[in-house]
Amino acid sequence: MLSALGIMSKTTRKNFDRYLEKYRSAERVLDVGSGKGEYSAFFPNRTTVDIAPHEGVDVVADVHELSAHFKKEEFSVILCIEALEHFYHPHKAVEEMSQVLKREGLLIISTRFIFPLHEVPHDYFRFTEYGLKHLLRDFEIREFHRDGNTIETLAILYERIGYQCDTLYWKPLKILWFLGARILFLFRRMLTKEYGDIGHTESVAGGIMTSGYFVVARKK
């Protein structure tokens, strides 16, 4: 019933389909760390790779060793959706993805910043805007989107507590967290200016918190 009313609806990645649709392609696409096929409609010529065999995975391989499994500059697009935080050596993973990506090809990434542990124990990193841009310094950033503002991020954390925790040993009490999230969303425009330090000397145009990022980068 809560799901039917929309109270338990996830609010992360709400615009990703719209972002991805702009880059739909019939060329060869490598989907790293996702075998489920949510985006197959946009990328029909998609090869999926994951470190473990499961439904929808075409090639079982470690992302840190992609060049041992695929040809140099084999793919026009690489998708890395909600996977980067699960790579134990993200710099190496980006290097390997670059190796199998064509020149002028697109690397499309989404990853988490302010977010609880998930897929444990294989949850290794969180990335700030500045960390991601440094990680992708050899690429040209085409698009960079935040997944929610500061208040929305607090609401998303409430949602995740509802999804991932029991409250006072009684599961139905999770409704309190979902209702709290909905209340917070009503105030998502409340903050008028945000700063990157407590002295209010460095303003942050995009806000001091976000749940995650969506990035499109072109290989130079």
Protein backbone atom coordinates (compact mmCIF):
# COMPACT_ATOMS: atom_id res chain seq x y z
CA MET A 1 0.00 0.00 0.00
CA LEU A 2 2.85 2.42 0.86
CA SER A 3 4.41 1.76 -2.54
CA ALA A 4 1.08 2.33 -4.29
CA LEU A 5 0.74 5.70 -2.57
CA GLY A 6 4.27 6.66 -3.65
CA ILE A 7 5.49 7.03 -0.07
CA MET A 8 8.23 4.43 -0.58
CA SER A 9 9.19 5.50 -4.10
CA LYS A 10 12.93 5.99 -4.53
CA THR A 11 13.95 9.54 -5.38
CA THR A 12 17.54 8.92 -6.46
CA ARG A 13 18.42 8.81 -10.17
CA LYS A 14 15.07 10.37 -11.05
CA ASN A 15 16.36 12.13 -14.18
CA PHE A 16 18.80 9.50 -15.42
CA ASP A 17 16.59 8.14 -18.20
CA ARG A 18 16.22 11.65 -19.59
CA TYR A 19 19.99 12.24 -19.43
CA LEU A 20 20.81 8.89 -21.02
CA GLU A 21 18.27 9.12 -23.80
CA LYS A 22 20.26 11.97 -25.35
CA TYR A 23 23.16 9.58 -25.87
CA ARG A 24 21.24 6.61 -27.26
CA SER A 25 23.43 4.71 -29.70
CA ALA A 26 23.37 1.62 -31.91
CA GLU A 27 27.17 1.45 -31.83
CA ARG A 28 29.11 -0.91 -29.59
CA VAL A 29 28.55 -0.10 -25.92
CA LEU A 30 30.20 -1.63 -22.85
CA ASP A 31 28.09 -1.65 -19.69
CA VAL A 32 30.41 -2.09 -16.71
CA GLY A 33 29.04 -3.55 -13.49
CA SER A 34 25.41 -3.81 -14.59
CA GLY A 35 23.85 -6.85 -16.19
CA LYS A 36 20.20 -6.02 -15.54
CA GLY A 37 19.45 -4.24 -18.78
CA GLU A 38 17.59 -1.13 -17.61
CA TYR A 39 19.15 0.84 -20.43
CA SER A 40 19.06 -1.71 -23.25
CA ALA A 41 16.38 0.34 -25.04
CA PHE A 42 18.89 3.17 -25.44
CA PHE A 43 21.86 0.91 -26.23
CA PRO A 44 20.74 -2.18 -28.17
CA ASN A 45 24.31 -3.20 -29.10
CA ARG A 46 25.36 -3.46 -25.45
CA THR A 47 27.90 -5.87 -23.91
CA THR A 48 27.65 -6.26 -20.14
CA VAL A 49 30.59 -7.09 -17.93
CA ASP A 50 30.63 -7.89 -14.21
CA ILE A 51 33.05 -9.45 -11.77
CA ALA A 52 30.55 -12.18 -10.88
CA PRO A 53 28.29 -14.30 -13.09
CA HIS A 54 24.59 -13.53 -12.85
CA GLU A 55 21.63 -13.03 -15.12
CA GLY A 56 22.29 -10.59 -17.93
CA VAL A 57 26.10 -10.64 -17.70
CA ASP A 58 27.83 -11.34 -21.02
CA VAL A 59 31.46 -11.32 -19.86
CA VAL A 60 32.74 -12.11 -16.38
CA ALA A 61 35.79 -9.93 -15.79
CA ASP A 62 37.38 -7.56 -13.30
CA VAL A 63 37.02 -3.92 -14.39
CA HIS A 64 40.64 -3.40 -13.39
CA GLU A 65 41.64 -5.84 -16.15
CA LEU A 66 39.34 -4.84 -19.02
CA SER A 67 42.21 -4.51 -21.50
CA ALA A 68 42.93 -8.22 -21.05
CA HIS A 69 39.41 -9.10 -22.23
CA PHE A 70 38.63 -6.50 -24.90
CA LYS A 71 40.45 -4.88 -27.80
CA LYS A 72 41.98 -1.43 -27.54
CA GLU A 73 39.42 1.27 -28.41
CA GLU A 74 36.72 -1.34 -29.07
CA PHE A 75 33.69 0.59 -27.75
CA SER A 76 32.07 3.91 -28.67
CA VAL A 77 30.33 4.32 -25.31
CA ILE A 78 31.05 2.93 -21.84
CA LEU A 79 28.35 2.95 -19.17
CA CYS A 80 29.41 2.82 -15.54
CA ILE A 81 26.12 3.29 -13.70
CA GLU A 82 26.20 3.11 -9.88
CA ALA A 83 29.38 1.02 -9.98
CA LEU A 84 32.38 3.31 -9.48
CA GLU A 85 32.07 3.31 -5.68
CA HIS A 86 32.34 -0.49 -5.74
CA PHE A 87 35.74 -0.57 -7.49
CA TYR A 88 38.61 -1.04 -5.06
CA HIS A 89 40.99 0.91 -7.32
CA PRO A 90 38.91 3.58 -9.12
CA HIS A 91 41.90 5.27 -10.80
CA LYS A 92 42.93 1.96 -12.36
CA ALA A 93 39.33 1.22 -13.35
CA VAL A 94 39.05 4.55 -15.21
CA GLU A 95 42.38 3.88 -16.94
CA GLU A 96 41.16 0.47 -18.09
CA MET A 97 37.84 1.86 -19.32
CA SER A 98 39.77 4.51 -21.24
CA GLN A 99 41.90 1.80 -22.87
CA VAL A 100 38.91 0.07 -24.45
CA LEU A 101 37.03 3.29 -25.28
CA LYS A 102 37.44 4.82 -28.74
CA ARG A 103 38.97 8.25 -29.13
CA GLU A 104 36.13 10.79 -28.96
CA GLY A 105 34.06 8.05 -27.26
CA LEU A 106 31.83 8.75 -24.26
CA LEU A 107 32.24 7.52 -20.70
CA ILE A 108 28.92 7.85 -18.85
CA ILE A 109 29.15 7.53 -15.07
CA SER A 110 26.80 7.79 -12.15
CA THR A 111 28.01 7.31 -8.59
CA ARG A 112 27.17 8.17 -4.99
CA PHE A 113 28.45 10.94 -2.69
CA ILE A 114 26.30 11.30 0.45
CA PHE A 115 24.83 7.83 0.72
CA PRO A 116 24.74 4.91 3.19
CA LEU A 117 26.70 1.70 2.87
CA HIS A 118 25.21 -0.60 0.24
CA GLU A 119 26.20 -3.83 -1.51
CA VAL A 120 28.47 -4.52 1.46
CA PRO A 121 31.23 -5.53 1.84
CA HIS A 122 32.07 -4.29 -1.67
CA ASP A 123 31.42 -0.61 -1.03
CA TYR A 124 34.75 1.22 -1.08
CA PHE A 125 34.53 4.91 -1.99
CA ARG A 126 32.48 8.10 -2.15
CA PHE A 127 33.30 10.90 -4.59
CA THR A 128 33.03 14.66 -4.30
CA GLU A 129 32.55 16.83 -7.38
CA TYR A 130 36.22 17.78 -7.21
CA GLY A 131 37.38 14.20 -6.76
CA LEU A 132 35.39 13.04 -9.78
CA LYS A 133 36.72 15.84 -11.97
CA HIS A 134 40.26 14.96 -10.92
CA LEU A 135 39.61 11.29 -11.63
CA LEU A 136 38.40 12.26 -15.12
CA ARG A 137 41.06 14.90 -15.73
CA ASP A 138 42.16 13.27 -19.00
CA PHE A 139 38.61 13.49 -20.37
CA GLU A 140 36.51 16.43 -21.49
CA ILE A 141 33.49 16.80 -19.21
CA ARG A 142 30.38 17.19 -21.38
CA GLU A 143 27.73 17.06 -18.64
CA PHE A 144 27.88 17.10 -14.86
CA HIS A 145 24.66 16.81 -12.83
CA ARG A 146 24.00 16.54 -9.11
CA ASP A 147 21.44 13.98 -7.93
CA GLY A 148 19.47 16.18 -5.56
CA ASN A 149 20.22 19.31 -3.54
CA THR A 150 21.16 19.50 0.15
CA ILE A 151 17.65 19.16 1.62
CA GLU A 152 16.73 16.46 -0.90
CA THR A 153 19.86 14.56 0.12
CA LEU A 154 18.73 14.59 3.76
CA ALA A 155 15.37 13.23 2.60
CA ILE A 156 17.10 10.48 0.61
CA LEU A 157 19.03 9.49 3.74
CA TYR A 158 15.72 9.20 5.60
CA GLU A 159 14.45 6.96 2.80
CA ARG A 160 17.51 4.74 3.01
CA ILE A 161 17.06 4.35 6.77
CA GLY A 162 13.54 3.18 6.02
CA TYR A 163 14.78 0.73 3.39
CA GLN A 164 17.83 -0.59 5.24
CA CYS A 165 16.95 -0.48 8.95
CA ASP A 166 14.44 -1.76 11.48
CA THR A 167 13.08 0.79 13.96
CA LEU A 168 12.42 -0.31 17.55
CA TYR A 169 12.45 -3.94 16.38
CA TRP A 170 9.23 -3.49 14.39
CA LYS A 171 9.46 -3.21 10.60
CA PRO A 172 6.17 -1.32 10.02
CA LEU A 173 7.66 1.67 11.88
CA LYS A 174 9.77 2.33 8.77
CA ILE A 175 6.81 4.45 7.62
CA LEU A 176 8.08 7.17 10.00
CA TRP A 177 11.27 7.55 7.95
CA PHE A 178 9.42 7.65 4.64
CA LEU A 179 6.96 10.23 5.96
CA GLY A 180 9.89 12.26 7.31
CA ALA A 181 11.47 12.16 3.86
CA ARG A 182 8.27 13.45 2.25
CA ILE A 183 8.11 16.30 4.77
CA LEU A 184 11.73 17.25 4.09
CA PHE A 185 11.05 17.37 0.37
CA LEU A 186 8.49 20.11 1.02
CA PHE A 187 11.37 22.30 2.24
CA ARG A 188 13.84 21.46 -0.55
CA ARG A 189 14.01 25.13 -1.69
CA MET A 190 14.59 26.44 1.82
CA LEU A 191 18.37 27.03 1.63
CA THR A 192 19.18 30.25 -0.21
CA LYS A 193 22.97 30.12 -0.14
CA GLU A 194 25.49 27.45 0.85
CA TYR A 195 29.18 27.66 1.72
CA GLY A 196 32.12 25.31 1.54
CA ASP A 197 33.47 26.45 4.91
CA ILE A 198 32.04 27.49 8.26
CA GLY A 199 33.42 31.01 7.84
CA HIS A 200 31.14 31.58 4.86
CA THR A 201 34.03 32.70 2.64
CA GLU A 202 33.63 30.15 -0.19
CA SER A 203 30.14 29.91 -1.66
CA VAL A 204 29.14 26.63 -3.32
CA ALA A 205 26.80 27.19 -6.25
CA GLY A 206 25.63 23.58 -6.43
CA GLY A 207 25.18 23.11 -2.69
CA ILE A 208 27.24 21.37 -0.01
CA MET A 209 25.49 18.02 -0.25
CA THR A 210 24.11 15.81 -2.97
CA SER A 211 23.24 12.13 -3.07
CA GLY A 212 25.39 11.51 -6.13
CA TYR A 213 26.42 12.59 -9.61
CA PHE A 214 25.75 11.88 -13.26
CA VAL A 215 28.69 12.62 -15.55
CA VAL A 216 29.25 12.40 -19.31
CA ALA A 217 32.92 12.64 -20.31
CA ARG A 218 34.48 12.49 -23.77
CA LYS A 219 37.82 10.76 -24.32
CA LYS A 220 40.31 13.24 -25.78
